Amino acid sequence: MVMRDTNQTYGETLVELGKNNKNLVVIEADLMKASGSVVFKEAYPERHYDVGIAEQNLIGFAAGMSATGKIPFASTFACFAAQRGCDQVINSVAYNNFNVKIVGTSAGLTSEKNGGTHISISDLAIFQAIPRFQVFDPGDAEEFAQIIRYAAEHVGPVYIRSNKGQYPVFHKEGFRFEPGKAELLQPGEKVGLITTGITTEAGIQACEALRSEGIQVYHLHMSSIKPIDRQAVLECAKHVKTIVTAENHSVIGGLGAAVAEVVTTEGTPVSMARLGLQDCFGETATLDYLMHKHGIDADGIAQAIRKNYKDEGGVNI
């Protein structure tokens, strides 16, 4: 399977878009090498800005640029985008419906050795709660690039997660991203699995292992957290008795919570098991260790599915 670096993809896609769109600008908070946008600075230095380690200024600057007709991509660590710049995100960007694109890099556990304070456990929850924002957690570099292109065309605020490191590309040639649409990766029965971001590749591996045991899982990849594909969730619920969600985020306010809102609002008779960080902070460790600890690697996902497949009913995980 082809491996691609997410940060490299970010920079290359911005350079590609910048060739034909002179209004596209990039704003950083002293993290251009970490985000990958340094190549945009090399290509278009007059359209690349660095405000230093000042995330409130990053967002306020982006809002001001948008007010002049520019299309700003503002990138910083996901934890800083959601927390340090939150007041400006709400009052300067969302309230005015400015055309700002915020890219949260090193999202969730992919921040790994940067430490617990840098692991974003709540960015999806925060951005989902802000009116007018669309929120995306791409599954691989191909989808990430397509979401960046979509965001550049879409008029309105967008938040996109970016995961540090290289990951397998599971999307095939011909794939086209659509906002508000989930992807059915595998039909199945009894247990459904809904994943997003880096947990989708882990989910694919888990489903492959389970097939050898005679367990066929209904697997959805959901990169579009807001707007969420309500119809896809309800269709999944028709085929299964339990839905397992897995996310690189707190189980509070993230993918699992969004899916649960759909299920409960529609009165769908399915139970749920939510995998992710269970109301806790991250810590300094490798990504593999952290994903295993929080049960969102292939083994952890497979274990949760086996339990719910056997029980044919959900448990709160």
Protein backbone atom coordinates (compact mmCIF):
# COMPACT_ATOMS: atom_id res chain seq x y z
CA MET A 1 0.00 0.00 0.00
CA VAL A 2 1.26 3.49 -0.87
CA MET A 3 2.33 5.67 2.06
CA ARG A 4 2.02 9.46 1.91
CA ASP A 5 3.05 12.19 4.31
CA THR A 6 0.12 14.36 5.39
CA ASN A 7 2.13 17.53 6.02
CA GLN A 8 3.90 17.24 2.68
CA THR A 9 0.52 16.81 1.02
CA TYR A 10 -0.74 20.01 2.67
CA GLY A 11 2.11 22.11 1.30
CA GLU A 12 2.02 20.59 -2.18
CA THR A 13 -1.74 21.05 -2.47
CA LEU A 14 -1.53 24.69 -1.40
CA VAL A 15 1.19 25.35 -4.00
CA GLU A 16 -0.99 23.71 -6.66
CA LEU A 17 -4.00 25.85 -5.70
CA GLY A 18 -1.90 28.99 -5.40
CA LYS A 19 -0.88 28.84 -9.05
CA ASN A 20 -4.37 29.70 -10.28
CA ASN A 21 -5.83 31.47 -7.26
CA LYS A 22 -3.95 34.65 -6.42
CA ASN A 23 -6.28 35.33 -3.48
CA LEU A 24 -5.15 32.22 -1.62
CA VAL A 25 -2.85 33.10 1.27
CA VAL A 26 -1.30 31.03 4.06
CA ILE A 27 -0.84 32.17 7.66
CA GLU A 28 1.28 30.34 10.23
CA ALA A 29 2.12 30.63 13.94
CA ASP A 30 5.80 29.66 13.78
CA LEU A 31 5.02 26.13 12.55
CA MET A 32 5.48 26.28 8.77
CA LYS A 33 7.91 23.34 8.75
CA ALA A 34 5.71 21.27 11.02
CA SER A 35 2.56 21.93 8.98
CA GLY A 36 4.27 21.55 5.60
CA SER A 37 3.36 25.02 4.32
CA VAL A 38 7.04 26.01 4.05
CA VAL A 39 6.95 24.98 0.37
CA PHE A 40 4.17 27.53 -0.22
CA LYS A 41 6.41 30.19 1.32
CA GLU A 42 9.20 29.16 -1.05
CA ALA A 43 6.85 29.34 -4.06
CA TYR A 44 4.86 32.46 -3.10
CA PRO A 45 6.71 34.34 -0.33
CA GLU A 46 4.52 37.42 -0.77
CA ARG A 47 1.41 35.37 0.13
CA HIS A 48 2.81 33.54 3.15
CA TYR A 49 2.63 35.19 6.58
CA ASP A 50 3.99 34.13 9.98
CA VAL A 51 2.62 35.81 13.11
CA GLY A 52 4.91 33.94 15.50
CA ILE A 53 3.70 31.95 18.48
CA ALA A 54 0.48 33.93 18.81
CA GLU A 55 -2.54 31.85 17.87
CA GLN A 56 -5.09 34.55 18.68
CA ASN A 57 -3.32 36.82 16.22
CA LEU A 58 -3.22 33.97 13.69
CA ILE A 59 -7.01 33.71 13.65
CA GLY A 60 -7.64 37.46 13.88
CA PHE A 61 -5.19 38.06 11.02
CA ALA A 62 -6.95 35.40 8.94
CA ALA A 63 -10.34 37.00 9.61
CA GLY A 64 -9.01 40.38 8.51
CA MET A 65 -7.51 38.93 5.33
CA SER A 66 -10.84 37.28 4.54
CA ALA A 67 -12.59 40.63 4.95
CA THR A 68 -10.43 41.98 2.10
CA GLY A 69 -11.41 39.14 -0.25
CA LYS A 70 -8.49 36.81 0.41
CA ILE A 71 -8.87 33.07 1.07
CA PRO A 72 -6.69 32.43 4.12
CA PHE A 73 -5.51 28.99 5.22
CA ALA A 74 -4.46 29.38 8.85
CA SER A 75 -2.58 26.40 10.27
CA THR A 76 -1.28 25.52 13.70
CA PHE A 77 -1.36 22.53 16.05
CA ALA A 78 -4.95 21.33 16.44
CA CYS A 79 -4.87 21.87 20.20
CA PHE A 80 -3.89 25.53 19.73
CA ALA A 81 -6.39 26.16 16.93
CA ALA A 82 -9.27 24.96 19.10
CA GLN A 83 -8.14 26.34 22.45
CA ARG A 84 -5.88 29.39 22.26
CA GLY A 85 -7.64 30.93 19.29
CA CYS A 86 -11.18 29.90 20.23
CA ASP A 87 -12.53 33.36 21.07
CA GLN A 88 -11.28 34.73 17.74
CA VAL A 89 -12.59 31.66 15.91
CA ILE A 90 -16.08 32.29 17.28
CA ASN A 91 -16.32 36.09 17.28
CA SER A 92 -13.97 37.13 14.46
CA VAL A 93 -14.51 34.25 12.01
CA ALA A 94 -17.78 32.38 12.59
CA TYR A 95 -19.93 35.28 13.80
CA ASN A 96 -19.03 37.23 10.64
CA ASN A 97 -19.17 34.11 8.45
CA PHE A 98 -15.72 34.91 7.13
CA ASN A 99 -14.17 32.66 4.50
CA VAL A 100 -11.38 31.30 6.72
CA LYS A 101 -9.92 27.80 6.51
CA ILE A 102 -8.33 26.50 9.71
CA VAL A 103 -6.06 23.46 9.52
CA GLY A 104 -5.32 21.75 12.83
CA THR A 105 -2.03 19.89 12.46
CA SER A 106 -0.66 17.04 14.62
CA ALA A 107 -4.26 16.20 15.47
CA GLY A 108 -5.13 14.00 18.42
CA LEU A 109 -2.65 11.31 19.34
CA THR A 110 -0.48 11.99 16.27
CA SER A 111 1.11 14.78 18.33
CA GLU A 112 2.52 11.87 20.39
CA LYS A 113 5.98 12.90 21.68
CA ASN A 114 5.06 16.60 21.82
CA GLY A 115 3.39 15.75 25.11
CA GLY A 116 -0.01 15.56 26.73
CA THR A 117 -0.67 19.31 26.53
CA HIS A 118 -0.25 19.17 22.75
CA ILE A 119 -2.62 16.24 22.17
CA SER A 120 -5.93 17.66 20.96
CA ILE A 121 -8.73 15.76 22.66
CA SER A 122 -11.49 18.31 22.08
CA ASP A 123 -10.97 20.13 18.76
CA LEU A 124 -13.72 18.22 16.93
CA ALA A 125 -16.12 18.89 19.81
CA ILE A 126 -15.31 22.61 19.88
CA PHE A 127 -15.51 23.24 16.14
CA GLN A 128 -18.70 21.18 15.75
CA ALA A 129 -20.40 23.41 18.31
CA ILE A 130 -19.54 26.63 16.45
CA PRO A 131 -22.23 27.73 13.98
CA ARG A 132 -21.35 27.96 10.27
CA PHE A 133 -18.22 25.79 10.53
CA GLN A 134 -17.83 22.64 8.49
CA VAL A 135 -15.59 20.05 10.17
CA PHE A 136 -13.54 17.32 8.48
CA ASP A 137 -11.17 14.56 9.63
CA PRO A 138 -9.61 13.02 6.48
CA GLY A 139 -8.78 9.33 6.35
CA ASP A 140 -5.65 9.57 4.20
CA ALA A 141 -3.51 12.02 2.23
CA GLU A 142 -5.57 11.67 -0.96
CA GLU A 143 -8.76 12.62 0.83
CA PHE A 144 -6.93 15.37 2.72
CA ALA A 145 -5.80 16.94 -0.56
CA GLN A 146 -9.33 16.79 -1.95
CA ILE A 147 -10.75 18.40 1.20
CA ILE A 148 -8.18 21.21 0.93
CA ARG A 149 -9.29 21.80 -2.67
CA TYR A 150 -12.94 21.73 -1.63
CA ALA A 151 -12.29 24.19 1.21
CA ALA A 152 -10.60 26.62 -1.18
CA GLU A 153 -13.76 26.65 -3.35
CA HIS A 154 -16.32 26.59 -0.54
CA VAL A 155 -17.40 30.00 0.75
CA GLY A 156 -17.51 29.88 4.53
CA PRO A 157 -15.43 28.76 7.52
CA VAL A 158 -13.93 25.27 7.49
CA TYR A 159 -11.92 23.28 10.03
CA ILE A 160 -9.73 20.42 8.76
CA ARG A 161 -7.70 18.01 10.83
CA SER A 162 -4.18 17.11 9.67
CA ASN A 163 -2.33 14.13 11.13
CA LYS A 164 1.43 14.28 11.59
CA GLY A 165 3.34 11.53 9.80
CA GLN A 166 3.04 9.06 6.94
CA TYR A 167 -0.04 6.87 6.55
CA PRO A 168 -1.35 4.32 4.03
CA VAL A 169 -3.55 5.66 1.22
CA PHE A 170 -6.61 3.42 1.12
CA HIS A 171 -8.65 5.48 -1.33
CA LYS A 172 -8.58 4.08 -4.84
CA GLU A 173 -8.13 5.95 -8.11
CA GLY A 174 -11.35 7.71 -9.05
CA PHE A 175 -12.33 8.57 -5.47
CA ARG A 176 -14.13 11.90 -5.13
CA PHE A 177 -14.69 13.57 -1.77
CA GLU A 178 -18.17 14.91 -1.05
CA PRO A 179 -18.95 16.99 2.05
CA GLY A 180 -21.67 15.45 4.18
CA LYS A 181 -21.18 12.00 2.65
CA ALA A 182 -19.83 8.87 4.33
CA GLU A 183 -18.22 5.96 2.47
CA LEU A 184 -19.36 2.38 2.80
CA LEU A 185 -16.10 0.43 2.86
CA GLN A 186 -17.68 -2.94 3.57
CA PRO A 187 -21.27 -4.21 3.96
CA GLY A 188 -22.02 -6.42 6.94
CA GLU A 189 -24.46 -7.44 9.64
CA LYS A 190 -24.97 -7.47 13.42
CA VAL A 191 -22.19 -4.95 14.16
CA GLY A 192 -21.46 -1.67 12.41
CA LEU A 193 -18.16 0.22 12.60
CA ILE A 194 -17.94 3.96 11.93
CA THR A 195 -14.45 5.45 11.82
CA THR A 196 -12.80 8.74 10.91
CA GLY A 197 -9.28 10.03 10.36
CA ILE A 198 -6.48 7.60 11.20
CA THR A 199 -8.86 5.14 12.85
CA THR A 200 -10.26 4.21 9.45
CA GLU A 201 -7.07 2.44 8.37
CA ALA A 202 -7.04 0.67 11.75
CA GLY A 203 -10.68 -0.25 11.16
CA ILE A 204 -9.89 -1.66 7.72
CA GLN A 205 -7.21 -3.88 9.26
CA ALA A 206 -9.60 -4.96 12.03
CA CYS A 207 -12.34 -5.85 9.53
CA GLU A 208 -9.87 -7.86 7.46
CA ALA A 209 -8.84 -9.89 10.52
CA LEU A 210 -12.47 -10.43 11.54
CA ARG A 211 -13.45 -11.69 8.08
CA SER A 212 -11.12 -14.64 8.62
CA GLU A 213 -13.20 -15.42 11.73
CA GLY A 214 -16.46 -15.28 9.81
CA ILE A 215 -17.45 -11.85 11.14
CA GLN A 216 -18.59 -9.42 8.44
CA VAL A 217 -18.68 -5.87 9.78
CA TYR A 218 -20.68 -3.00 8.26
CA HIS A 219 -17.88 -0.42 7.98
CA LEU A 220 -18.41 3.28 7.27
CA HIS A 221 -15.66 5.88 6.87
CA MET A 222 -16.93 9.28 7.96
CA SER A 223 -14.50 12.12 7.29
CA SER A 224 -17.31 14.68 7.24
CA ILE A 225 -18.09 15.19 10.91
CA LYS A 226 -20.17 18.31 10.25
CA PRO A 227 -22.25 18.11 8.15
CA ILE A 228 -22.67 14.47 9.13
CA ASP A 229 -24.22 11.94 6.76
CA ARG A 230 -27.36 11.20 8.77
CA GLN A 231 -28.77 8.95 6.08
CA ALA A 232 -25.65 6.77 6.07
CA VAL A 233 -25.82 6.37 9.86
CA LEU A 234 -29.50 5.39 9.69
CA GLU A 235 -28.82 2.96 6.83
CA CYS A 236 -26.07 1.35 8.90
CA ALA A 237 -28.49 1.07 11.82
CA LYS A 238 -30.95 -0.85 9.64
CA HIS A 239 -28.41 -3.65 9.16
CA VAL A 240 -26.92 -3.96 12.66
CA LYS A 241 -27.82 -4.21 16.33
CA THR A 242 -24.77 -2.34 17.60
CA ILE A 243 -22.68 0.50 16.18
CA VAL A 244 -19.05 0.81 17.28
CA THR A 245 -17.38 4.17 16.66
CA ALA A 246 -13.62 4.74 16.81
CA GLU A 247 -11.91 8.12 16.82
CA ASN A 248 -8.59 9.80 17.50
CA HIS A 249 -10.30 12.18 19.95
CA SER A 250 -12.22 12.19 23.19
CA VAL A 251 -15.41 10.14 23.06
CA ILE A 252 -17.10 13.26 24.44
CA GLY A 253 -18.22 15.57 21.65
CA GLY A 254 -16.49 13.85 18.74
CA LEU A 255 -17.54 11.33 16.09
CA GLY A 256 -19.21 8.95 18.54
CA ALA A 257 -21.26 11.75 20.05
CA ALA A 258 -22.32 12.97 16.59
CA VAL A 259 -23.39 9.46 15.57
CA ALA A 260 -25.22 8.99 18.89
CA GLU A 261 -27.12 12.23 18.29
CA VAL A 262 -28.39 10.90 14.97
CA VAL A 263 -29.32 7.52 16.42
CA THR A 264 -31.15 8.90 19.46
CA THR A 265 -32.90 11.72 17.60
CA GLU A 266 -34.33 9.28 15.08
CA GLY A 267 -35.25 6.74 17.77
CA THR A 268 -33.23 4.02 16.06
CA PRO A 269 -33.17 0.77 18.08
CA VAL A 270 -29.41 0.19 18.15
CA SER A 271 -26.92 0.28 20.98
CA MET A 272 -23.50 1.89 20.74
CA ALA A 273 -19.92 1.38 21.86
CA ARG A 274 -17.62 4.40 21.55
CA LEU A 275 -13.86 3.94 21.27
CA GLY A 276 -11.48 6.83 21.85
CA LEU A 277 -10.04 8.77 24.77
CA GLN A 278 -12.33 8.09 27.71
CA ASP A 279 -12.56 11.49 29.44
CA CYS A 280 -8.79 11.69 29.91
CA PHE A 281 -5.77 13.62 28.69
CA GLY A 282 -3.10 12.37 26.33
CA GLU A 283 0.50 11.68 27.32
CA THR A 284 4.00 11.57 25.87
CA ALA A 285 4.46 8.30 23.99
CA THR A 286 4.61 6.82 20.50
CA LEU A 287 1.49 6.84 18.34
CA ASP A 288 1.36 3.03 18.26
CA TYR A 289 1.47 2.86 22.06
CA LEU A 290 -1.20 5.53 22.48
CA MET A 291 -3.58 4.02 19.93
CA HIS A 292 -3.24 0.63 21.59
CA LYS A 293 -3.73 2.07 25.08
CA HIS A 294 -6.95 3.81 24.05
CA GLY A 295 -8.27 0.85 22.06
CA ILE A 296 -8.31 2.50 18.65
CA ASP A 297 -5.67 0.41 16.90
CA ALA A 298 -6.68 -2.60 14.81
CA ASP A 299 -6.50 -4.97 17.78
CA GLY A 300 -8.57 -2.75 20.04
CA ILE A 301 -11.24 -2.18 17.41
CA ALA A 302 -11.41 -5.89 16.57
CA GLN A 303 -11.73 -6.77 20.25
CA ALA A 304 -14.64 -4.37 20.74
CA ILE A 305 -16.38 -5.74 17.64
CA ARG A 306 -15.93 -9.36 18.75
CA LYS A 307 -17.50 -8.59 22.11
CA ASN A 308 -20.48 -6.82 20.60
CA TYR A 309 -20.88 -9.40 17.84
CA LYS A 310 -21.03 -12.14 20.45
CA ASP A 311 -23.38 -10.21 22.74
CA GLU A 312 -25.46 -8.85 19.82
CA GLY A 313 -25.91 -5.82 21.99
CA GLY A 314 -23.85 -2.80 22.88
CA VAL A 315 -21.84 -1.94 25.92
CA ASN A 316 -20.58 1.48 26.90
CA ILE A 317 -16.87 1.41 26.13
